[in-house]
Amino acid sequence: MTDALPTEADAAAEFDREAVREALVSWYEADHRSFPWRETDDPYRILVSEVMSQQTQLARVEEAYREFLDEWPTVEDLAAADRSDVVGFWTAHSLGYNNRAKYLHTAAGQVVERGGFPETPDELQDLHGVGPYTANAVASFAFNAGDAVVDTNVKRVLHRAFDVPDDDAAFEAWANDLMPEGESRVWNNAVMELGGVACGKAPRCDEAGCPWREWCHAYATGDFTAPDVPTQPKFEGSRRQMRGRVVGALREGDELELDTLGHRVRVDYAPDGEYGREWLRGLLSDLESDGLVTVDEERASLRR
């Protein structure tokens, strides 16, 4: 255990930053959702995707994004377009808030006039309609020069994983402290993927192979509330869920030693720990009483 957590986040616990970083990036690079804007570092294409994505479902954005770039493939093409055509495209694709189309068209003109895209978050905010979040996203994904992204998904992940208080300054401090220096592109993609795939409002910790289960406060306690999830899910982390995992593991392994079974049920299982043999035997006792499993001193199996 090394490195104190950020004092700005009002936390005193310690953890291994490098292990946390490596686990997340490795998880992301091994398998992640494919979106066309993740396959480019063209700032124009990334800006288009970011403006389209504001409060719009990604499934609808992807189709509109491809068609928009077929119509206006470069920033110069968009700057030269008739604004009414751009707004008409926006309306036809139900992207909402037509002002975004106007702002994007104006921003394209600014980029052409200045001879290229600005590269830092502060400079990108000089473009019309580009606020701090969008500026940071373009800087991160186009130029690898951004700060940590802090959106609703990221706040949820940090709150659950590290028990960060629901405070904007704390979230900013934690997010920036965790992000490896000079790696905003891969890091911000990875942490947002974590929030979108594994740590949504209804968490999918084991199903998605969440790489932070080892350190996660919510996974350890079963409390998956978050700033945007005011009520705790009834099933995730519950005893009922753990019983289901026991049965599932025994179906696959027929008869298993208790410690082998424990590790299949919880990633943080430790024979003498809080989630150890005593905890596991409690689950097995319930299942044995229900006539579902057979247990001896060292092994368990499904009752046939």
C-alpha atoms as a PDB file:
ATOM      1  CA  MET A   1       0.000   0.000   0.000  1.00  0.00           C
ATOM      2  CA  THR A   2       1.540   3.275  -1.089  1.00  0.00           C
ATOM      3  CA  ASP A   3       0.722   6.903  -1.793  1.00  0.00           C
ATOM      4  CA  ALA A   4      -1.794   8.844   0.260  1.00  0.00           C
ATOM      5  CA  LEU A   5      -5.027   9.731  -1.473  1.00  0.00           C
ATOM      6  CA  PRO A   6      -5.558  13.416  -2.334  1.00  0.00           C
ATOM      7  CA  THR A   7      -5.953  15.570   0.765  1.00  0.00           C
ATOM      8  CA  GLU A   8      -8.397  17.710  -1.260  1.00  0.00           C
ATOM      9  CA  ALA A   9     -10.722  14.707  -1.305  1.00  0.00           C
ATOM     10  CA  ASP A  10     -10.727  14.634   2.498  1.00  0.00           C
ATOM     11  CA  ALA A  11      -9.584  11.018   2.655  1.00  0.00           C
ATOM     12  CA  ALA A  12      -6.796   9.433   4.663  1.00  0.00           C
ATOM     13  CA  ALA A  13      -6.730   5.900   3.258  1.00  0.00           C
ATOM     14  CA  GLU A  14      -3.865   4.723   1.090  1.00  0.00           C
ATOM     15  CA  PHE A  15      -3.642   2.577  -1.997  1.00  0.00           C
ATOM     16  CA  ASP A  16      -1.313   1.684  -4.834  1.00  0.00           C
ATOM     17  CA  ARG A  17      -2.024   4.203  -7.591  1.00  0.00           C
ATOM     18  CA  GLU A  18       0.055   2.397 -10.175  1.00  0.00           C
ATOM     19  CA  ALA A  19      -1.794  -0.862  -9.626  1.00  0.00           C
ATOM     20  CA  VAL A  20      -5.158   0.924  -9.933  1.00  0.00           C
ATOM     21  CA  ARG A  21      -4.052   2.705 -13.118  1.00  0.00           C
ATOM     22  CA  GLU A  22      -2.592  -0.393 -14.733  1.00  0.00           C
ATOM     23  CA  ALA A  23      -5.663  -2.476 -13.911  1.00  0.00           C
ATOM     24  CA  LEU A  24      -8.041   0.017 -15.545  1.00  0.00           C
ATOM     25  CA  VAL A  25      -5.996   0.672 -18.677  1.00  0.00           C
ATOM     26  CA  SER A  26      -5.312  -3.035 -19.226  1.00  0.00           C
ATOM     27  CA  TRP A  27      -9.030  -3.790 -18.859  1.00  0.00           C
ATOM     28  CA  TYR A  28      -9.927  -1.058 -21.360  1.00  0.00           C
ATOM     29  CA  GLU A  29      -7.287  -1.987 -23.920  1.00  0.00           C
ATOM     30  CA  ALA A  30      -8.221  -5.680 -23.777  1.00  0.00           C
ATOM     31  CA  ASP A  31     -11.831  -5.030 -24.792  1.00  0.00           C
ATOM     32  CA  HIS A  32     -13.985  -1.923 -25.132  1.00  0.00           C
ATOM     33  CA  ARG A  33     -16.945  -0.666 -27.081  1.00  0.00           C
ATOM     34  CA  SER A  34     -16.070   0.506 -30.568  1.00  0.00           C
ATOM     35  CA  PHE A  35     -17.205   3.971 -31.599  1.00  0.00           C
ATOM     36  CA  PRO A  36     -15.908   5.770 -34.699  1.00  0.00           C
ATOM     37  CA  TRP A  37     -14.762   8.788 -32.681  1.00  0.00           C
ATOM     38  CA  ARG A  38     -12.520   6.485 -30.649  1.00  0.00           C
ATOM     39  CA  GLU A  39     -10.705   5.495 -33.832  1.00  0.00           C
ATOM     40  CA  THR A  40      -9.475   8.992 -34.665  1.00  0.00           C
ATOM     41  CA  ASP A  41      -7.449  11.831 -33.209  1.00  0.00           C
ATOM     42  CA  ASP A  42      -8.825  14.376 -35.691  1.00  0.00           C
ATOM     43  CA  PRO A  43      -9.981  17.304 -33.520  1.00  0.00           C
ATOM     44  CA  TYR A  44     -12.768  18.186 -35.964  1.00  0.00           C
ATOM     45  CA  ARG A  45     -14.294  14.716 -35.837  1.00  0.00           C
ATOM     46  CA  ILE A  46     -13.947  14.584 -32.078  1.00  0.00           C
ATOM     47  CA  LEU A  47     -15.572  17.995 -31.675  1.00  0.00           C
ATOM     48  CA  VAL A  48     -18.504  16.867 -33.832  1.00  0.00           C
ATOM     49  CA  SER A  49     -18.948  13.734 -31.716  1.00  0.00           C
ATOM     50  CA  GLU A  50     -18.761  15.667 -28.443  1.00  0.00           C
ATOM     51  CA  VAL A  51     -21.313  18.268 -29.514  1.00  0.00           C
ATOM     52  CA  MET A  52     -23.662  15.567 -30.810  1.00  0.00           C
ATOM     53  CA  SER A  53     -23.298  13.468 -27.653  1.00  0.00           C
ATOM     54  CA  GLN A  54     -24.593  16.116 -25.281  1.00  0.00           C
ATOM     55  CA  GLN A  55     -27.745  14.614 -23.748  1.00  0.00           C
ATOM     56  CA  THR A  56     -28.238  12.325 -26.760  1.00  0.00           C
ATOM     57  CA  GLN A  57     -28.104   8.525 -26.770  1.00  0.00           C
ATOM     58  CA  LEU A  58     -24.922   7.168 -28.333  1.00  0.00           C
ATOM     59  CA  ALA A  59     -26.809   4.731 -30.564  1.00  0.00           C
ATOM     60  CA  ARG A  60     -28.523   7.666 -32.290  1.00  0.00           C
ATOM     61  CA  VAL A  61     -25.341   9.742 -32.322  1.00  0.00           C
ATOM     62  CA  GLU A  62     -23.304   7.116 -34.169  1.00  0.00           C
ATOM     63  CA  GLU A  63     -25.544   7.052 -37.236  1.00  0.00           C
ATOM     64  CA  ALA A  64     -25.881  10.848 -37.320  1.00  0.00           C
ATOM     65  CA  TYR A  65     -22.118  11.266 -36.829  1.00  0.00           C
ATOM     66  CA  ARG A  66     -21.297   9.131 -39.864  1.00  0.00           C
ATOM     67  CA  GLU A  67     -23.847  10.911 -42.056  1.00  0.00           C
ATOM     68  CA  PHE A  68     -22.709  14.349 -40.871  1.00  0.00           C
ATOM     69  CA  LEU A  69     -19.110  13.578 -41.829  1.00  0.00           C
ATOM     70  CA  ASP A  70     -20.206  12.177 -45.174  1.00  0.00           C
ATOM     71  CA  GLU A  71     -21.828  15.565 -45.816  1.00  0.00           C
ATOM     72  CA  TRP A  72     -19.058  17.741 -44.321  1.00  0.00           C
ATOM     73  CA  PRO A  73     -15.880  15.606 -44.006  1.00  0.00           C
ATOM     74  CA  THR A  74     -13.532  18.434 -42.959  1.00  0.00           C
ATOM     75  CA  VAL A  75     -13.735  21.519 -40.825  1.00  0.00           C
ATOM     76  CA  GLU A  76     -13.269  23.587 -43.983  1.00  0.00           C
ATOM     77  CA  ASP A  77     -16.295  21.918 -45.562  1.00  0.00           C
ATOM     78  CA  LEU A  78     -18.435  22.695 -42.532  1.00  0.00           C
ATOM     79  CA  ALA A  79     -17.242  26.300 -42.357  1.00  0.00           C
ATOM     80  CA  ALA A  80     -18.195  26.799 -46.024  1.00  0.00           C
ATOM     81  CA  ALA A  81     -21.624  25.194 -45.612  1.00  0.00           C
ATOM     82  CA  ASP A  82     -24.883  27.111 -45.476  1.00  0.00           C
ATOM     83  CA  ARG A  83     -25.910  27.325 -41.825  1.00  0.00           C
ATOM     84  CA  SER A  84     -29.490  26.464 -42.643  1.00  0.00           C
ATOM     85  CA  ASP A  85     -28.315  23.142 -44.104  1.00  0.00           C
ATOM     86  CA  VAL A  86     -26.440  22.315 -40.911  1.00  0.00           C
ATOM     87  CA  VAL A  87     -29.423  23.195 -38.741  1.00  0.00           C
ATOM     88  CA  GLY A  88     -31.691  21.227 -41.064  1.00  0.00           C
ATOM     89  CA  PHE A  89     -29.470  18.160 -40.681  1.00  0.00           C
ATOM     90  CA  TRP A  90     -29.596  18.540 -36.887  1.00  0.00           C
ATOM     91  CA  THR A  91     -33.370  18.719 -36.881  1.00  0.00           C
ATOM     92  CA  ALA A  92     -33.799  15.805 -39.288  1.00  0.00           C
ATOM     93  CA  HIS A  93     -31.683  13.585 -37.054  1.00  0.00           C
ATOM     94  CA  SER A  94     -33.469  14.594 -33.824  1.00  0.00           C
ATOM     95  CA  LEU A  95     -30.243  15.729 -32.170  1.00  0.00           C
ATOM     96  CA  GLY A  96     -32.030  18.388 -30.117  1.00  0.00           C
ATOM     97  CA  TYR A  97     -31.090  21.966 -29.243  1.00  0.00           C
ATOM     98  CA  ASN A  98     -30.547  23.418 -32.711  1.00  0.00           C
ATOM     99  CA  ASN A  99     -28.295  26.065 -31.208  1.00  0.00           C
ATOM    100  CA  ARG A 100     -25.615  23.376 -31.020  1.00  0.00           C
ATOM    101  CA  ALA A 101     -25.640  23.138 -34.811  1.00  0.00           C
ATOM    102  CA  LYS A 102     -25.244  26.912 -35.066  1.00  0.00           C
ATOM    103  CA  TYR A 103     -22.407  26.939 -32.550  1.00  0.00           C
ATOM    104  CA  LEU A 104     -20.624  24.080 -34.312  1.00  0.00           C
ATOM    105  CA  HIS A 105     -20.878  25.880 -37.650  1.00  0.00           C
ATOM    106  CA  THR A 106     -19.518  29.106 -36.129  1.00  0.00           C
ATOM    107  CA  ALA A 107     -16.703  27.235 -34.374  1.00  0.00           C
ATOM    108  CA  ALA A 108     -15.685  25.656 -37.689  1.00  0.00           C
ATOM    109  CA  GLY A 109     -15.393  29.141 -39.172  1.00  0.00           C
ATOM    110  CA  GLN A 110     -13.207  30.241 -36.244  1.00  0.00           C
ATOM    111  CA  VAL A 111     -10.888  27.268 -36.715  1.00  0.00           C
ATOM    112  CA  VAL A 112     -10.480  27.969 -40.432  1.00  0.00           C
ATOM    113  CA  GLU A 113      -9.888  31.658 -39.770  1.00  0.00           C
ATOM    114  CA  ARG A 114      -7.149  30.967 -37.222  1.00  0.00           C
ATOM    115  CA  GLY A 115      -5.522  28.309 -39.408  1.00  0.00           C
ATOM    116  CA  GLY A 116      -6.122  25.266 -37.224  1.00  0.00           C
ATOM    117  CA  PHE A 117      -7.490  23.932 -33.971  1.00  0.00           C
ATOM    118  CA  PRO A 118      -6.275  25.221 -30.604  1.00  0.00           C
ATOM    119  CA  GLU A 119      -4.888  22.351 -28.528  1.00  0.00           C
ATOM    120  CA  THR A 120      -5.340  23.155 -24.828  1.00  0.00           C
ATOM    121  CA  PRO A 121      -8.582  23.149 -22.844  1.00  0.00           C
ATOM    122  CA  ASP A 122      -8.328  26.879 -22.152  1.00  0.00           C
ATOM    123  CA  GLU A 123      -7.707  27.782 -25.797  1.00  0.00           C
ATOM    124  CA  LEU A 124     -10.435  25.488 -27.071  1.00  0.00           C
ATOM    125  CA  GLN A 125     -12.973  27.372 -24.962  1.00  0.00           C
ATOM    126  CA  ASP A 126     -12.423  30.337 -27.264  1.00  0.00           C
ATOM    127  CA  LEU A 127     -14.437  28.445 -29.879  1.00  0.00           C
ATOM    128  CA  HIS A 128     -18.088  29.391 -29.983  1.00  0.00           C
ATOM    129  CA  GLY A 129     -20.294  27.128 -27.869  1.00  0.00           C
ATOM    130  CA  VAL A 130     -17.390  25.083 -26.509  1.00  0.00           C
ATOM    131  CA  GLY A 131     -17.554  24.882 -22.719  1.00  0.00           C
ATOM    132  CA  PRO A 132     -15.042  23.451 -20.221  1.00  0.00           C
ATOM    133  CA  TYR A 133     -16.184  19.825 -20.562  1.00  0.00           C
ATOM    134  CA  THR A 134     -16.157  19.744 -24.383  1.00  0.00           C
ATOM    135  CA  ALA A 135     -12.868  21.647 -24.515  1.00  0.00           C
ATOM    136  CA  ASN A 136     -11.228  19.181 -22.172  1.00  0.00           C
ATOM    137  CA  ALA A 137     -12.602  16.215 -24.127  1.00  0.00           C
ATOM    138  CA  VAL A 138     -11.222  17.527 -27.430  1.00  0.00           C
ATOM    139  CA  ALA A 139      -7.875  18.328 -25.825  1.00  0.00           C
ATOM    140  CA  SER A 140      -7.759  14.826 -24.336  1.00  0.00           C
ATOM    141  CA  PHE A 141      -8.861  12.737 -27.278  1.00  0.00           C
ATOM    142  CA  ALA A 142      -7.335  14.770 -30.114  1.00  0.00           C
ATOM    143  CA  PHE A 143      -4.129  16.064 -28.555  1.00  0.00           C
ATOM    144  CA  ASN A 144      -3.635  13.921 -25.430  1.00  0.00           C
ATOM    145  CA  ALA A 145      -3.338  17.207 -23.584  1.00  0.00           C
ATOM    146  CA  GLY A 146      -6.382  17.364 -21.345  1.00  0.00           C
ATOM    147  CA  ASP A 147      -7.200  17.083 -17.680  1.00  0.00           C
ATOM    148  CA  ALA A 148      -9.226  14.260 -16.182  1.00  0.00           C
ATOM    149  CA  VAL A 149     -12.802  14.183 -17.438  1.00  0.00           C
ATOM    150  CA  VAL A 150     -15.328  14.476 -14.623  1.00  0.00           C
ATOM    151  CA  ASP A 151     -18.869  13.718 -15.750  1.00  0.00           C
ATOM    152  CA  THR A 152     -21.770  11.967 -14.030  1.00  0.00           C
ATOM    153  CA  ASN A 153     -20.421   8.518 -14.871  1.00  0.00           C
ATOM    154  CA  VAL A 154     -16.961   9.337 -13.525  1.00  0.00           C
ATOM    155  CA  LYS A 155     -18.421  10.756 -10.309  1.00  0.00           C
ATOM    156  CA  ARG A 156     -20.420   7.561  -9.829  1.00  0.00           C
ATOM    157  CA  VAL A 157     -17.308   5.410 -10.310  1.00  0.00           C
ATOM    158  CA  LEU A 158     -15.188   7.438  -7.898  1.00  0.00           C
ATOM    159  CA  HIS A 159     -17.917   7.607  -5.273  1.00  0.00           C
ATOM    160  CA  ARG A 160     -18.449   3.862  -5.333  1.00  0.00           C
ATOM    161  CA  ALA A 161     -14.876   2.712  -5.792  1.00  0.00           C
ATOM    162  CA  PHE A 162     -13.093   5.038  -3.363  1.00  0.00           C
ATOM    163  CA  ASP A 163     -15.940   6.438  -1.262  1.00  0.00           C
ATOM    164  CA  VAL A 164     -15.254   9.959  -2.547  1.00  0.00           C
ATOM    165  CA  PRO A 165     -17.740  12.403  -0.988  1.00  0.00           C
ATOM    166  CA  ASP A 166     -20.383  13.969  -3.230  1.00  0.00           C
ATOM    167  CA  ASP A 167     -18.470  17.195  -3.679  1.00  0.00           C
ATOM    168  CA  ASP A 168     -17.286  18.652  -6.997  1.00  0.00           C
ATOM    169  CA  ALA A 169     -13.894  19.742  -5.629  1.00  0.00           C
ATOM    170  CA  ALA A 170     -13.282  16.267  -4.208  1.00  0.00           C
ATOM    171  CA  PHE A 171     -14.214  14.594  -7.493  1.00  0.00           C
ATOM    172  CA  GLU A 172     -11.899  16.919  -9.434  1.00  0.00           C
ATOM    173  CA  ALA A 173      -9.029  16.275  -7.032  1.00  0.00           C
ATOM    174  CA  TRP A 174      -9.421  12.516  -7.149  1.00  0.00           C
ATOM    175  CA  ALA A 175      -9.906  12.330 -10.905  1.00  0.00           C
ATOM    176  CA  ASN A 176      -6.813  14.372 -11.648  1.00  0.00           C
ATOM    177  CA  ASP A 177      -4.720  12.618  -9.028  1.00  0.00           C
ATOM    178  CA  LEU A 178      -5.560   9.206 -10.462  1.00  0.00           C
ATOM    179  CA  MET A 179      -4.935  10.081 -14.114  1.00  0.00           C
ATOM    180  CA  PRO A 180      -1.368   9.258 -15.238  1.00  0.00           C
ATOM    181  CA  GLU A 181       0.457  12.370 -16.418  1.00  0.00           C
ATOM    182  CA  GLY A 182       0.366  12.836 -20.169  1.00  0.00           C
ATOM    183  CA  GLU A 183      -2.108  10.002 -20.777  1.00  0.00           C
ATOM    184  CA  SER A 184      -5.445  11.806 -20.864  1.00  0.00           C
ATOM    185  CA  ARG A 185      -6.546  10.125 -24.106  1.00  0.00           C
ATOM    186  CA  VAL A 186      -6.468   6.516 -22.943  1.00  0.00           C
ATOM    187  CA  TRP A 187      -7.278   7.285 -19.305  1.00  0.00           C
ATOM    188  CA  ASN A 188     -10.396   9.346 -19.924  1.00  0.00           C
ATOM    189  CA  ASN A 189     -11.671   6.827 -22.450  1.00  0.00           C
ATOM    190  CA  ALA A 190     -11.031   4.027 -19.964  1.00  0.00           C
ATOM    191  CA  VAL A 191     -12.673   5.587 -16.921  1.00  0.00           C
ATOM    192  CA  MET A 192     -15.738   6.610 -18.933  1.00  0.00           C
ATOM    193  CA  GLU A 193     -15.943   3.084 -20.341  1.00  0.00           C
ATOM    194  CA  LEU A 194     -15.867   1.768 -16.782  1.00  0.00           C
ATOM    195  CA  GLY A 195     -18.796   3.989 -15.864  1.00  0.00           C
ATOM    196  CA  GLY A 196     -20.699   3.050 -18.985  1.00  0.00           C
ATOM    197  CA  VAL A 197     -20.112  -0.707 -19.014  1.00  0.00           C
ATOM    198  CA  ALA A 198     -19.380  -1.970 -15.486  1.00  0.00           C
ATOM    199  CA  CYS A 199     -20.472   0.753 -13.083  1.00  0.00           C
ATOM    200  CA  GLY A 200     -23.741   2.041 -14.441  1.00  0.00           C
ATOM    201  CA  LYS A 201     -26.712   2.861 -12.251  1.00  0.00           C
ATOM    202  CA  ALA A 202     -27.258  -0.900 -12.043  1.00  0.00           C
ATOM    203  CA  PRO A 203     -23.678  -2.165 -11.561  1.00  0.00           C
ATOM    204  CA  ARG A 204     -22.326  -5.207 -13.417  1.00  0.00           C
ATOM    205  CA  CYS A 205     -19.157  -5.732 -11.398  1.00  0.00           C
ATOM    206  CA  ASP A 206     -18.488  -9.396 -12.079  1.00  0.00           C
ATOM    207  CA  GLU A 207     -20.295  -9.673 -15.389  1.00  0.00           C
ATOM    208  CA  ALA A 208     -18.136  -6.893 -16.868  1.00  0.00           C
ATOM    209  CA  GLY A 209     -14.984  -7.973 -15.034  1.00  0.00           C
ATOM    210  CA  CYS A 210     -14.600  -4.600 -13.318  1.00  0.00           C
ATOM    211  CA  PRO A 211     -10.853  -4.078 -12.828  1.00  0.00           C
ATOM    212  CA  TRP A 212     -11.322  -2.111  -9.591  1.00  0.00           C
ATOM    213  CA  ARG A 213     -13.176  -4.744  -7.560  1.00  0.00           C
ATOM    214  CA  GLU A 214     -10.075  -5.350  -5.434  1.00  0.00           C
ATOM    215  CA  TRP A 215     -10.136  -1.757  -4.157  1.00  0.00           C
ATOM    216  CA  CYS A 216     -13.839  -0.939  -4.502  1.00  0.00           C
ATOM    217  CA  HIS A 217     -15.653   0.275  -1.395  1.00  0.00           C
ATOM    218  CA  ALA A 218     -19.080  -0.491  -2.899  1.00  0.00           C
ATOM    219  CA  TYR A 219     -18.100  -4.011  -3.939  1.00  0.00           C
ATOM    220  CA  ALA A 220     -16.810  -4.747  -0.442  1.00  0.00           C
ATOM    221  CA  THR A 221     -19.819  -3.316   1.396  1.00  0.00           C
ATOM    222  CA  GLY A 222     -22.645  -4.016  -1.048  1.00  0.00           C
ATOM    223  CA  ASP A 223     -23.669  -0.339  -0.928  1.00  0.00           C
ATOM    224  CA  PHE A 224     -23.930   0.780  -4.557  1.00  0.00           C
ATOM    225  CA  THR A 225     -25.597   4.120  -3.977  1.00  0.00           C
ATOM    226  CA  ALA A 226     -24.038   7.092  -5.788  1.00  0.00           C
ATOM    227  CA  PRO A 227     -24.781  10.776  -6.471  1.00  0.00           C
ATOM    228  CA  ASP A 228     -27.082   9.826  -9.368  1.00  0.00           C
ATOM    229  CA  VAL A 229     -28.317   6.586  -7.755  1.00  0.00           C
ATOM    230  CA  PRO A 230     -30.177   7.668  -4.601  1.00  0.00           C
ATOM    231  CA  THR A 231     -31.551   4.243  -3.748  1.00  0.00           C
ATOM    232  CA  GLN A 232     -29.430   1.156  -3.350  1.00  0.00           C
ATOM    233  CA  PRO A 233     -30.121  -1.645  -5.834  1.00  0.00           C
ATOM    234  CA  LYS A 234     -31.798  -4.510  -3.981  1.00  0.00           C
ATOM    235  CA  PHE A 235     -29.965  -7.348  -5.678  1.00  0.00           C
ATOM    236  CA  GLU A 236     -26.384  -6.251  -6.408  1.00  0.00           C
ATOM    237  CA  GLY A 237     -24.112  -7.224  -3.516  1.00  0.00           C
ATOM    238  CA  SER A 238     -26.941  -8.934  -1.660  1.00  0.00           C
ATOM    239  CA  ARG A 239     -26.825 -12.283   0.086  1.00  0.00           C
ATOM    240  CA  ARG A 240     -29.260 -13.566  -2.536  1.00  0.00           C
ATOM    241  CA  GLN A 241     -26.807 -12.643  -5.277  1.00  0.00           C
ATOM    242  CA  MET A 242     -23.937 -14.395  -3.463  1.00  0.00           C
ATOM    243  CA  ARG A 243     -26.010 -17.549  -3.026  1.00  0.00           C
ATOM    244  CA  GLY A 244     -26.643 -17.490  -6.770  1.00  0.00           C
ATOM    245  CA  ARG A 245     -22.926 -17.220  -7.435  1.00  0.00           C
ATOM    246  CA  VAL A 246     -22.258 -20.244  -5.217  1.00  0.00           C
ATOM    247  CA  VAL A 247     -24.783 -22.325  -7.135  1.00  0.00           C
ATOM    248  CA  GLY A 248     -23.418 -21.106 -10.463  1.00  0.00           C
ATOM    249  CA  ALA A 249     -19.835 -21.955  -9.501  1.00  0.00           C
ATOM    250  CA  LEU A 250     -20.817 -25.432  -8.317  1.00  0.00           C
ATOM    251  CA  ARG A 251     -22.713 -26.081 -11.541  1.00  0.00           C
ATOM    252  CA  GLU A 252     -19.517 -25.375 -13.468  1.00  0.00           C
ATOM    253  CA  GLY A 253     -17.122 -27.116 -11.081  1.00  0.00           C
ATOM    254  CA  ASP A 254     -19.295 -29.950  -9.772  1.00  0.00           C
ATOM    255  CA  GLU A 255     -17.446 -30.446  -6.449  1.00  0.00           C
ATOM    256  CA  LEU A 256     -15.100 -27.703  -5.246  1.00  0.00           C
ATOM    257  CA  GLU A 257     -12.799 -27.108  -2.320  1.00  0.00           C
ATOM    258  CA  LEU A 258     -14.137 -24.321  -0.137  1.00  0.00           C
ATOM    259  CA  ASP A 259     -11.345 -21.866  -0.853  1.00  0.00           C
ATOM    260  CA  THR A 260     -11.574 -22.491  -4.591  1.00  0.00           C
ATOM    261  CA  LEU A 261     -15.301 -21.876  -4.385  1.00  0.00           C
ATOM    262  CA  GLY A 262     -14.801 -18.730  -2.321  1.00  0.00           C
ATOM    263  CA  HIS A 263     -12.501 -17.181  -4.900  1.00  0.00           C
ATOM    264  CA  ARG A 264     -15.050 -17.870  -7.627  1.00  0.00           C
ATOM    265  CA  VAL A 265     -17.801 -16.212  -5.628  1.00  0.00           C
ATOM    266  CA  ARG A 266     -15.886 -13.041  -4.655  1.00  0.00           C
ATOM    267  CA  VAL A 267     -12.728 -11.574  -6.122  1.00  0.00           C
ATOM    268  CA  ASP A 268     -11.766 -10.313  -2.635  1.00  0.00           C
ATOM    269  CA  TYR A 269     -12.291 -13.654  -0.888  1.00  0.00           C
ATOM    270  CA  ALA A 270      -9.635 -14.431   1.739  1.00  0.00           C
ATOM    271  CA  PRO A 271      -9.963 -17.543   3.943  1.00  0.00           C
ATOM    272  CA  ASP A 272      -9.403 -15.629   7.184  1.00  0.00           C
ATOM    273  CA  GLY A 273     -10.810 -12.292   6.034  1.00  0.00           C
ATOM    274  CA  GLU A 274     -14.155 -10.558   6.347  1.00  0.00           C
ATOM    275  CA  TYR A 275     -15.295 -12.444   3.247  1.00  0.00           C
ATOM    276  CA  GLY A 276     -13.635 -15.731   4.121  1.00  0.00           C
ATOM    277  CA  ARG A 277     -14.496 -19.253   5.187  1.00  0.00           C
ATOM    278  CA  GLU A 278     -16.875 -18.209   7.966  1.00  0.00           C
ATOM    279  CA  TRP A 279     -18.807 -15.971   5.560  1.00  0.00           C
ATOM    280  CA  LEU A 280     -18.836 -18.689   2.878  1.00  0.00           C
ATOM    281  CA  ARG A 281     -20.015 -21.360   5.318  1.00  0.00           C
ATOM    282  CA  GLY A 282     -22.933 -19.108   6.224  1.00  0.00           C
ATOM    283  CA  LEU A 283     -24.029 -19.032   2.579  1.00  0.00           C
ATOM    284  CA  LEU A 284     -23.509 -22.774   2.235  1.00  0.00           C
ATOM    285  CA  SER A 285     -25.484 -23.449   5.424  1.00  0.00           C
ATOM    286  CA  ASP A 286     -28.474 -21.582   3.948  1.00  0.00           C
ATOM    287  CA  LEU A 287     -28.208 -23.497   0.696  1.00  0.00           C
ATOM    288  CA  GLU A 288     -27.793 -26.803   2.527  1.00  0.00           C
ATOM    289  CA  SER A 289     -30.929 -26.087   4.551  1.00  0.00           C
ATOM    290  CA  ASP A 290     -32.734 -25.468   1.265  1.00  0.00           C
ATOM    291  CA  GLY A 291     -31.617 -28.853   0.015  1.00  0.00           C
ATOM    292  CA  LEU A 292     -29.469 -27.380  -2.754  1.00  0.00           C
ATOM    293  CA  VAL A 293     -25.900 -28.264  -1.722  1.00  0.00           C
ATOM    294  CA  THR A 294     -23.949 -30.830   0.208  1.00  0.00           C
ATOM    295  CA  VAL A 295     -21.086 -29.602   2.403  1.00  0.00           C
ATOM    296  CA  ASP A 296     -18.326 -31.336   4.335  1.00  0.00           C
ATOM    297  CA  GLU A 297     -15.323 -29.912   6.167  1.00  0.00           C
ATOM    298  CA  GLU A 298     -13.367 -29.011   3.031  1.00  0.00           C
ATOM    299  CA  ARG A 299     -15.627 -29.312  -0.023  1.00  0.00           C
ATOM    300  CA  ALA A 300     -19.056 -28.445  -1.361  1.00  0.00           C
ATOM    301  CA  SER A 301     -21.135 -29.772  -4.230  1.00  0.00           C
ATOM    302  CA  LEU A 302     -24.627 -29.453  -5.654  1.00  0.00           C
ATOM    303  CA  ARG A 303     -27.131 -31.953  -4.344  1.00  0.00           C
ATOM    304  CA  ARG A 304     -28.317 -34.123  -7.240  1.00  0.00           C
END
